[in-house]
Amino acid sequence: MKSLKALLLACAAMLVVAVPASAQFRIGPRIGTEVNSMRLNKEVFDNENRAGFTGGVMCEFTVPVINLGFDLSVMYVHRVNQNTYISDNTQDNSELINSSAFKKRDYIEIPLNLKYKIGLPVVGKIISPYIFTGPSFSILASKREITNAYRNKAFDVAWNVGVGLELVSHLQIGASYGFGMNKTVEWIGQGVQANPIDGKNNYWTITAAWLF
């Protein structure tokens, strides 16, 4: 009985060691753009559709046998606001709308995604589709103050869902949609908030990464 337990423990230890040993860890640069709407043609990159850009570093950890893993990125993001609704058109809100601090924000963004690669026979080394999902944490890197009554929130959280293609085992091109989970602007005026804002960072992102 003791020998059986010892054998089981040894097998479990070997499995724990074997999984990380077979796993792949890669790292490389990642760049991309944010767009207001996804279109299945070249217009997706038109000036009026682009809402910002992003760039940084991504690392990826994958277990080859099950093609499951995760990726973690540290990105600089310049985001042009397109998704904020303001309830009325008072003078305070006109000042808010015209403020550059409201229209454009800079973030340090840290997305963490669970990723599954769909293995294809024969052509798997050349092209491999994948899906991913996970949270994204953004720290405001630009000014917080917008007007005397409003300011940008210092921290933003979103949930990303996306698809992509890995080409020649190095180049990853992905598209994702980020669902904003909190409002990005807060009221700091006196008394009851008169002009509420329902503003969240909801955005499409297209990125390309080269992993070594």
C-alpha atoms as a PDB file:
ATOM      1  CA  MET A   1       0.000   0.000   0.000  1.00  0.00           C
ATOM      2  CA  LYS A   2       2.795   2.375   0.925  1.00  0.00           C
ATOM      3  CA  SER A   3       4.674   1.512  -2.243  1.00  0.00           C
ATOM      4  CA  LEU A   4       1.527   2.221  -4.308  1.00  0.00           C
ATOM      5  CA  LYS A   5       1.132   5.635  -2.665  1.00  0.00           C
ATOM      6  CA  ALA A   6       4.798   6.362  -3.270  1.00  0.00           C
ATOM      7  CA  LEU A   7       4.420   5.376  -6.929  1.00  0.00           C
ATOM      8  CA  LEU A   8       1.356   7.603  -7.331  1.00  0.00           C
ATOM      9  CA  LEU A   9       3.141  10.516  -5.693  1.00  0.00           C
ATOM     10  CA  ALA A  10       6.141   9.993  -7.946  1.00  0.00           C
ATOM     11  CA  CYS A  11       3.927   9.945 -11.052  1.00  0.00           C
ATOM     12  CA  ALA A  12       2.153  13.112  -9.915  1.00  0.00           C
ATOM     13  CA  ALA A  13       5.501  14.828  -9.319  1.00  0.00           C
ATOM     14  CA  MET A  14       6.727  13.784 -12.756  1.00  0.00           C
ATOM     15  CA  LEU A  15       3.540  15.162 -14.349  1.00  0.00           C
ATOM     16  CA  VAL A  16       3.937  18.494 -12.567  1.00  0.00           C
ATOM     17  CA  VAL A  17       7.523  18.739 -13.751  1.00  0.00           C
ATOM     18  CA  ALA A  18       6.801  17.470 -17.257  1.00  0.00           C
ATOM     19  CA  VAL A  19       4.073  20.024 -18.090  1.00  0.00           C
ATOM     20  CA  PRO A  20       6.243  23.126 -17.545  1.00  0.00           C
ATOM     21  CA  ALA A  21       9.168  21.388 -19.244  1.00  0.00           C
ATOM     22  CA  SER A  22       7.157  20.844 -22.422  1.00  0.00           C
ATOM     23  CA  ALA A  23       5.509  24.252 -22.319  1.00  0.00           C
ATOM     24  CA  GLN A  24       6.631  27.044 -24.609  1.00  0.00           C
ATOM     25  CA  PHE A  25       7.480  30.525 -23.376  1.00  0.00           C
ATOM     26  CA  ARG A  26       7.904  33.286 -25.964  1.00  0.00           C
ATOM     27  CA  ILE A  27       8.191  37.054 -25.899  1.00  0.00           C
ATOM     28  CA  GLY A  28       8.209  39.842 -28.455  1.00  0.00           C
ATOM     29  CA  PRO A  29       6.957  43.273 -29.567  1.00  0.00           C
ATOM     30  CA  ARG A  30       3.258  43.978 -30.136  1.00  0.00           C
ATOM     31  CA  ILE A  31       1.699  46.940 -31.940  1.00  0.00           C
ATOM     32  CA  GLY A  32      -1.791  47.806 -33.115  1.00  0.00           C
ATOM     33  CA  THR A  33      -4.639  50.224 -33.560  1.00  0.00           C
ATOM     34  CA  GLU A  34      -8.063  50.742 -32.038  1.00  0.00           C
ATOM     35  CA  VAL A  35     -11.058  51.217 -34.321  1.00  0.00           C
ATOM     36  CA  ASN A  36     -14.626  52.316 -33.790  1.00  0.00           C
ATOM     37  CA  SER A  37     -16.215  49.591 -35.890  1.00  0.00           C
ATOM     38  CA  MET A  38     -14.928  46.377 -37.419  1.00  0.00           C
ATOM     39  CA  ARG A  39     -15.355  46.151 -41.181  1.00  0.00           C
ATOM     40  CA  LEU A  40     -14.448  43.322 -43.485  1.00  0.00           C
ATOM     41  CA  ASN A  41     -12.634  45.580 -45.938  1.00  0.00           C
ATOM     42  CA  LYS A  42      -9.835  48.153 -46.095  1.00  0.00           C
ATOM     43  CA  GLU A  43     -12.119  50.858 -44.643  1.00  0.00           C
ATOM     44  CA  VAL A  44     -11.455  49.437 -41.187  1.00  0.00           C
ATOM     45  CA  PHE A  45      -8.208  51.472 -41.224  1.00  0.00           C
ATOM     46  CA  ASP A  46      -9.730  54.705 -42.528  1.00  0.00           C
ATOM     47  CA  ASN A  47      -8.861  57.836 -40.550  1.00  0.00           C
ATOM     48  CA  GLU A  48     -12.456  58.432 -39.464  1.00  0.00           C
ATOM     49  CA  ASN A  49     -12.676  54.879 -38.118  1.00  0.00           C
ATOM     50  CA  ARG A  50      -9.429  54.801 -36.134  1.00  0.00           C
ATOM     51  CA  ALA A  51      -9.752  55.596 -32.451  1.00  0.00           C
ATOM     52  CA  GLY A  52      -6.188  55.267 -31.196  1.00  0.00           C
ATOM     53  CA  PHE A  53      -3.034  53.183 -31.274  1.00  0.00           C
ATOM     54  CA  THR A  54      -1.138  50.864 -28.978  1.00  0.00           C
ATOM     55  CA  GLY A  55       2.329  49.366 -28.663  1.00  0.00           C
ATOM     56  CA  GLY A  56       4.354  47.360 -26.183  1.00  0.00           C
ATOM     57  CA  VAL A  57       5.625  43.889 -25.285  1.00  0.00           C
ATOM     58  CA  MET A  58       3.802  40.561 -25.082  1.00  0.00           C
ATOM     59  CA  CYS A  59       4.814  37.245 -23.560  1.00  0.00           C
ATOM     60  CA  GLU A  60       3.071  33.932 -24.187  1.00  0.00           C
ATOM     61  CA  PHE A  61       3.011  30.642 -22.286  1.00  0.00           C
ATOM     62  CA  THR A  62       1.550  27.614 -24.107  1.00  0.00           C
ATOM     63  CA  VAL A  63       1.285  23.895 -23.363  1.00  0.00           C
ATOM     64  CA  PRO A  64       1.735  22.316 -26.843  1.00  0.00           C
ATOM     65  CA  VAL A  65      -0.129  19.037 -26.298  1.00  0.00           C
ATOM     66  CA  ILE A  66      -3.403  20.718 -25.378  1.00  0.00           C
ATOM     67  CA  ASN A  67      -2.666  24.009 -27.199  1.00  0.00           C
ATOM     68  CA  LEU A  68      -3.872  25.955 -24.171  1.00  0.00           C
ATOM     69  CA  GLY A  69      -2.050  28.788 -22.454  1.00  0.00           C
ATOM     70  CA  PHE A  70      -2.120  32.482 -21.742  1.00  0.00           C
ATOM     71  CA  ASP A  71      -0.530  35.706 -22.860  1.00  0.00           C
ATOM     72  CA  LEU A  72       0.344  38.818 -20.884  1.00  0.00           C
ATOM     73  CA  SER A  73       1.126  42.222 -22.382  1.00  0.00           C
ATOM     74  CA  VAL A  74       2.278  45.609 -21.139  1.00  0.00           C
ATOM     75  CA  MET A  75       1.072  48.217 -23.627  1.00  0.00           C
ATOM     76  CA  TYR A  76       1.042  51.976 -24.046  1.00  0.00           C
ATOM     77  CA  VAL A  77      -2.397  52.986 -25.372  1.00  0.00           C
ATOM     78  CA  HIS A  78      -3.482  56.308 -26.862  1.00  0.00           C
ATOM     79  CA  ARG A  79      -7.269  56.192 -26.916  1.00  0.00           C
ATOM     80  CA  VAL A  80      -9.608  58.629 -28.685  1.00  0.00           C
ATOM     81  CA  ASN A  81     -12.971  58.693 -26.938  1.00  0.00           C
ATOM     82  CA  GLN A  82     -15.909  57.591 -29.070  1.00  0.00           C
ATOM     83  CA  ASN A  83     -18.204  55.839 -26.629  1.00  0.00           C
ATOM     84  CA  THR A  84     -19.420  58.300 -24.025  1.00  0.00           C
ATOM     85  CA  TYR A  85     -23.048  59.387 -23.789  1.00  0.00           C
ATOM     86  CA  ILE A  86     -23.940  62.671 -22.054  1.00  0.00           C
ATOM     87  CA  SER A  87     -27.522  63.192 -20.917  1.00  0.00           C
ATOM     88  CA  ASP A  88     -27.970  66.825 -21.968  1.00  0.00           C
ATOM     89  CA  ASN A  89     -26.232  69.753 -23.660  1.00  0.00           C
ATOM     90  CA  THR A  90     -25.639  72.275 -20.897  1.00  0.00           C
ATOM     91  CA  GLN A  91     -22.706  74.663 -20.852  1.00  0.00           C
ATOM     92  CA  ASP A  92     -20.786  72.418 -18.446  1.00  0.00           C
ATOM     93  CA  ASN A  93     -21.148  69.480 -20.803  1.00  0.00           C
ATOM     94  CA  SER A  94     -20.146  71.594 -23.813  1.00  0.00           C
ATOM     95  CA  GLU A  95     -16.922  72.401 -21.990  1.00  0.00           C
ATOM     96  CA  LEU A  96     -16.474  68.706 -21.228  1.00  0.00           C
ATOM     97  CA  ILE A  97     -17.041  67.587 -24.819  1.00  0.00           C
ATOM     98  CA  ASN A  98     -14.547  70.139 -26.164  1.00  0.00           C
ATOM     99  CA  SER A  99     -11.830  69.256 -23.648  1.00  0.00           C
ATOM    100  CA  SER A 100      -8.801  67.435 -25.071  1.00  0.00           C
ATOM    101  CA  ALA A 101      -8.440  65.584 -21.757  1.00  0.00           C
ATOM    102  CA  PHE A 102     -11.912  64.135 -22.358  1.00  0.00           C
ATOM    103  CA  LYS A 103     -11.458  63.331 -26.041  1.00  0.00           C
ATOM    104  CA  LYS A 104      -8.031  61.717 -25.781  1.00  0.00           C
ATOM    105  CA  ARG A 105      -6.542  59.637 -22.985  1.00  0.00           C
ATOM    106  CA  ASP A 106      -3.260  57.745 -22.544  1.00  0.00           C
ATOM    107  CA  TYR A 107      -3.042  54.497 -20.593  1.00  0.00           C
ATOM    108  CA  ILE A 108      -0.606  51.828 -19.535  1.00  0.00           C
ATOM    109  CA  GLU A 109      -2.671  48.736 -20.268  1.00  0.00           C
ATOM    110  CA  ILE A 110      -2.039  45.195 -18.979  1.00  0.00           C
ATOM    111  CA  PRO A 111      -4.240  42.594 -20.721  1.00  0.00           C
ATOM    112  CA  LEU A 112      -4.121  38.980 -19.503  1.00  0.00           C
ATOM    113  CA  ASN A 113      -5.755  36.441 -21.815  1.00  0.00           C
ATOM    114  CA  LEU A 114      -6.500  32.745 -21.700  1.00  0.00           C
ATOM    115  CA  LYS A 115      -5.654  31.504 -25.205  1.00  0.00           C
ATOM    116  CA  TYR A 116      -6.581  28.352 -27.094  1.00  0.00           C
ATOM    117  CA  LYS A 117      -4.871  27.505 -30.380  1.00  0.00           C
ATOM    118  CA  ILE A 118      -6.836  25.384 -32.839  1.00  0.00           C
ATOM    119  CA  GLY A 119      -4.414  22.871 -34.273  1.00  0.00           C
ATOM    120  CA  LEU A 120      -4.768  22.230 -37.991  1.00  0.00           C
ATOM    121  CA  PRO A 121      -3.381  19.094 -39.642  1.00  0.00           C
ATOM    122  CA  VAL A 122      -0.610  19.503 -42.206  1.00  0.00           C
ATOM    123  CA  VAL A 123      -0.655  23.337 -42.246  1.00  0.00           C
ATOM    124  CA  GLY A 124      -0.459  23.835 -38.459  1.00  0.00           C
ATOM    125  CA  LYS A 125       3.137  25.087 -38.643  1.00  0.00           C
ATOM    126  CA  ILE A 126       2.191  27.668 -41.265  1.00  0.00           C
ATOM    127  CA  ILE A 127      -1.178  28.922 -40.056  1.00  0.00           C
ATOM    128  CA  SER A 128      -2.945  28.317 -36.770  1.00  0.00           C
ATOM    129  CA  PRO A 129      -6.168  30.078 -35.659  1.00  0.00           C
ATOM    130  CA  TYR A 130      -6.722  30.887 -31.992  1.00  0.00           C
ATOM    131  CA  ILE A 131      -9.314  32.363 -29.667  1.00  0.00           C
ATOM    132  CA  PHE A 132      -8.720  34.264 -26.452  1.00  0.00           C
ATOM    133  CA  THR A 133     -10.473  36.033 -23.612  1.00  0.00           C
ATOM    134  CA  GLY A 134      -9.529  37.733 -20.382  1.00  0.00           C
ATOM    135  CA  PRO A 135      -9.404  40.924 -18.321  1.00  0.00           C
ATOM    136  CA  SER A 136      -7.520  44.098 -19.159  1.00  0.00           C
ATOM    137  CA  PHE A 137      -6.324  46.573 -16.536  1.00  0.00           C
ATOM    138  CA  SER A 138      -5.537  50.144 -17.603  1.00  0.00           C
ATOM    139  CA  ILE A 139      -3.748  52.820 -15.592  1.00  0.00           C
ATOM    140  CA  LEU A 140      -4.315  56.404 -16.728  1.00  0.00           C
ATOM    141  CA  ALA A 141      -1.083  58.029 -17.919  1.00  0.00           C
ATOM    142  CA  SER A 142      -2.525  61.389 -18.995  1.00  0.00           C
ATOM    143  CA  LYS A 143      -4.083  64.174 -16.913  1.00  0.00           C
ATOM    144  CA  ARG A 144      -7.070  63.418 -14.690  1.00  0.00           C
ATOM    145  CA  GLU A 145      -8.631  66.886 -14.563  1.00  0.00           C
ATOM    146  CA  ILE A 146     -11.085  67.709 -17.356  1.00  0.00           C
ATOM    147  CA  THR A 147     -13.206  70.574 -15.996  1.00  0.00           C
ATOM    148  CA  ASN A 148     -14.032  71.900 -12.545  1.00  0.00           C
ATOM    149  CA  ALA A 149     -16.822  69.336 -12.335  1.00  0.00           C
ATOM    150  CA  TYR A 150     -15.346  66.229 -13.994  1.00  0.00           C
ATOM    151  CA  ARG A 151     -12.141  64.246 -14.037  1.00  0.00           C
ATOM    152  CA  ASN A 152     -10.905  61.029 -15.645  1.00  0.00           C
ATOM    153  CA  LYS A 153     -10.748  57.970 -13.442  1.00  0.00           C
ATOM    154  CA  ALA A 154      -7.236  56.736 -12.742  1.00  0.00           C
ATOM    155  CA  PHE A 155      -8.040  53.040 -13.274  1.00  0.00           C
ATOM    156  CA  ASP A 156     -10.057  51.260 -15.943  1.00  0.00           C
ATOM    157  CA  VAL A 157     -11.075  47.601 -16.287  1.00  0.00           C
ATOM    158  CA  ALA A 158     -12.355  45.820 -19.397  1.00  0.00           C
ATOM    159  CA  TRP A 159     -13.002  42.261 -20.545  1.00  0.00           C
ATOM    160  CA  ASN A 160     -11.586  41.244 -23.920  1.00  0.00           C
ATOM    161  CA  VAL A 161     -12.883  38.603 -26.346  1.00  0.00           C
ATOM    162  CA  GLY A 162     -11.035  37.948 -29.578  1.00  0.00           C
ATOM    163  CA  VAL A 163      -9.800  35.750 -32.407  1.00  0.00           C
ATOM    164  CA  GLY A 164      -6.565  35.621 -34.342  1.00  0.00           C
ATOM    165  CA  LEU A 165      -4.182  33.801 -36.641  1.00  0.00           C
ATOM    166  CA  GLU A 166      -0.620  32.691 -35.978  1.00  0.00           C
ATOM    167  CA  LEU A 167       1.514  32.628 -39.125  1.00  0.00           C
ATOM    168  CA  VAL A 168       4.819  30.761 -39.597  1.00  0.00           C
ATOM    169  CA  SER A 169       4.864  30.039 -35.835  1.00  0.00           C
ATOM    170  CA  HIS A 170       5.920  33.617 -34.998  1.00  0.00           C
ATOM    171  CA  LEU A 171       3.545  36.299 -36.297  1.00  0.00           C
ATOM    172  CA  GLN A 172       0.236  36.670 -34.435  1.00  0.00           C
ATOM    173  CA  ILE A 173      -2.486  38.904 -35.857  1.00  0.00           C
ATOM    174  CA  GLY A 174      -5.511  39.291 -33.617  1.00  0.00           C
ATOM    175  CA  ALA A 175      -8.733  41.266 -33.324  1.00  0.00           C
ATOM    176  CA  SER A 176     -10.624  41.719 -30.077  1.00  0.00           C
ATOM    177  CA  TYR A 177     -13.477  43.668 -28.541  1.00  0.00           C
ATOM    178  CA  GLY A 178     -13.090  45.149 -25.084  1.00  0.00           C
ATOM    179  CA  PHE A 179     -16.179  45.490 -22.919  1.00  0.00           C
ATOM    180  CA  GLY A 180     -15.641  48.380 -20.508  1.00  0.00           C
ATOM    181  CA  MET A 181     -16.617  47.391 -16.979  1.00  0.00           C
ATOM    182  CA  ASN A 182     -16.513  50.767 -15.266  1.00  0.00           C
ATOM    183  CA  LYS A 183     -17.186  54.418 -16.097  1.00  0.00           C
ATOM    184  CA  THR A 184     -14.121  56.382 -17.160  1.00  0.00           C
ATOM    185  CA  VAL A 185     -15.252  59.837 -15.975  1.00  0.00           C
ATOM    186  CA  GLU A 186     -16.321  60.842 -12.459  1.00  0.00           C
ATOM    187  CA  TRP A 187     -18.176  63.831 -11.057  1.00  0.00           C
ATOM    188  CA  ILE A 188     -16.208  66.001  -8.595  1.00  0.00           C
ATOM    189  CA  GLY A 189     -18.507  69.032  -8.495  1.00  0.00           C
ATOM    190  CA  GLN A 190     -20.474  70.245  -5.526  1.00  0.00           C
ATOM    191  CA  GLY A 191     -23.917  68.949  -4.638  1.00  0.00           C
ATOM    192  CA  VAL A 192     -25.970  66.492  -6.663  1.00  0.00           C
ATOM    193  CA  GLN A 193     -24.551  65.494 -10.039  1.00  0.00           C
ATOM    194  CA  ALA A 194     -26.653  67.392 -12.571  1.00  0.00           C
ATOM    195  CA  ASN A 195     -25.183  66.071 -15.818  1.00  0.00           C
ATOM    196  CA  PRO A 196     -24.540  62.326 -15.499  1.00  0.00           C
ATOM    197  CA  ILE A 197     -22.192  60.567 -17.888  1.00  0.00           C
ATOM    198  CA  ASP A 198     -22.553  56.965 -18.939  1.00  0.00           C
ATOM    199  CA  GLY A 199     -19.059  56.586 -20.367  1.00  0.00           C
ATOM    200  CA  LYS A 200     -17.153  53.321 -20.742  1.00  0.00           C
ATOM    201  CA  ASN A 201     -14.198  52.347 -22.883  1.00  0.00           C
ATOM    202  CA  ASN A 202     -15.726  49.894 -25.381  1.00  0.00           C
ATOM    203  CA  TYR A 203     -13.421  49.351 -28.322  1.00  0.00           C
ATOM    204  CA  TRP A 204     -12.185  47.110 -31.131  1.00  0.00           C
ATOM    205  CA  THR A 205      -8.440  46.480 -31.196  1.00  0.00           C
ATOM    206  CA  ILE A 206      -6.350  45.004 -34.013  1.00  0.00           C
ATOM    207  CA  THR A 207      -2.781  44.018 -33.127  1.00  0.00           C
ATOM    208  CA  ALA A 208       0.216  42.231 -34.575  1.00  0.00           C
ATOM    209  CA  ALA A 209       2.924  40.562 -32.472  1.00  0.00           C
ATOM    210  CA  TRP A 210       6.175  38.838 -33.390  1.00  0.00           C
ATOM    211  CA  LEU A 211       7.161  36.229 -30.802  1.00  0.00           C
ATOM    212  CA  PHE A 212      10.639  34.730 -30.419  1.00  0.00           C
END
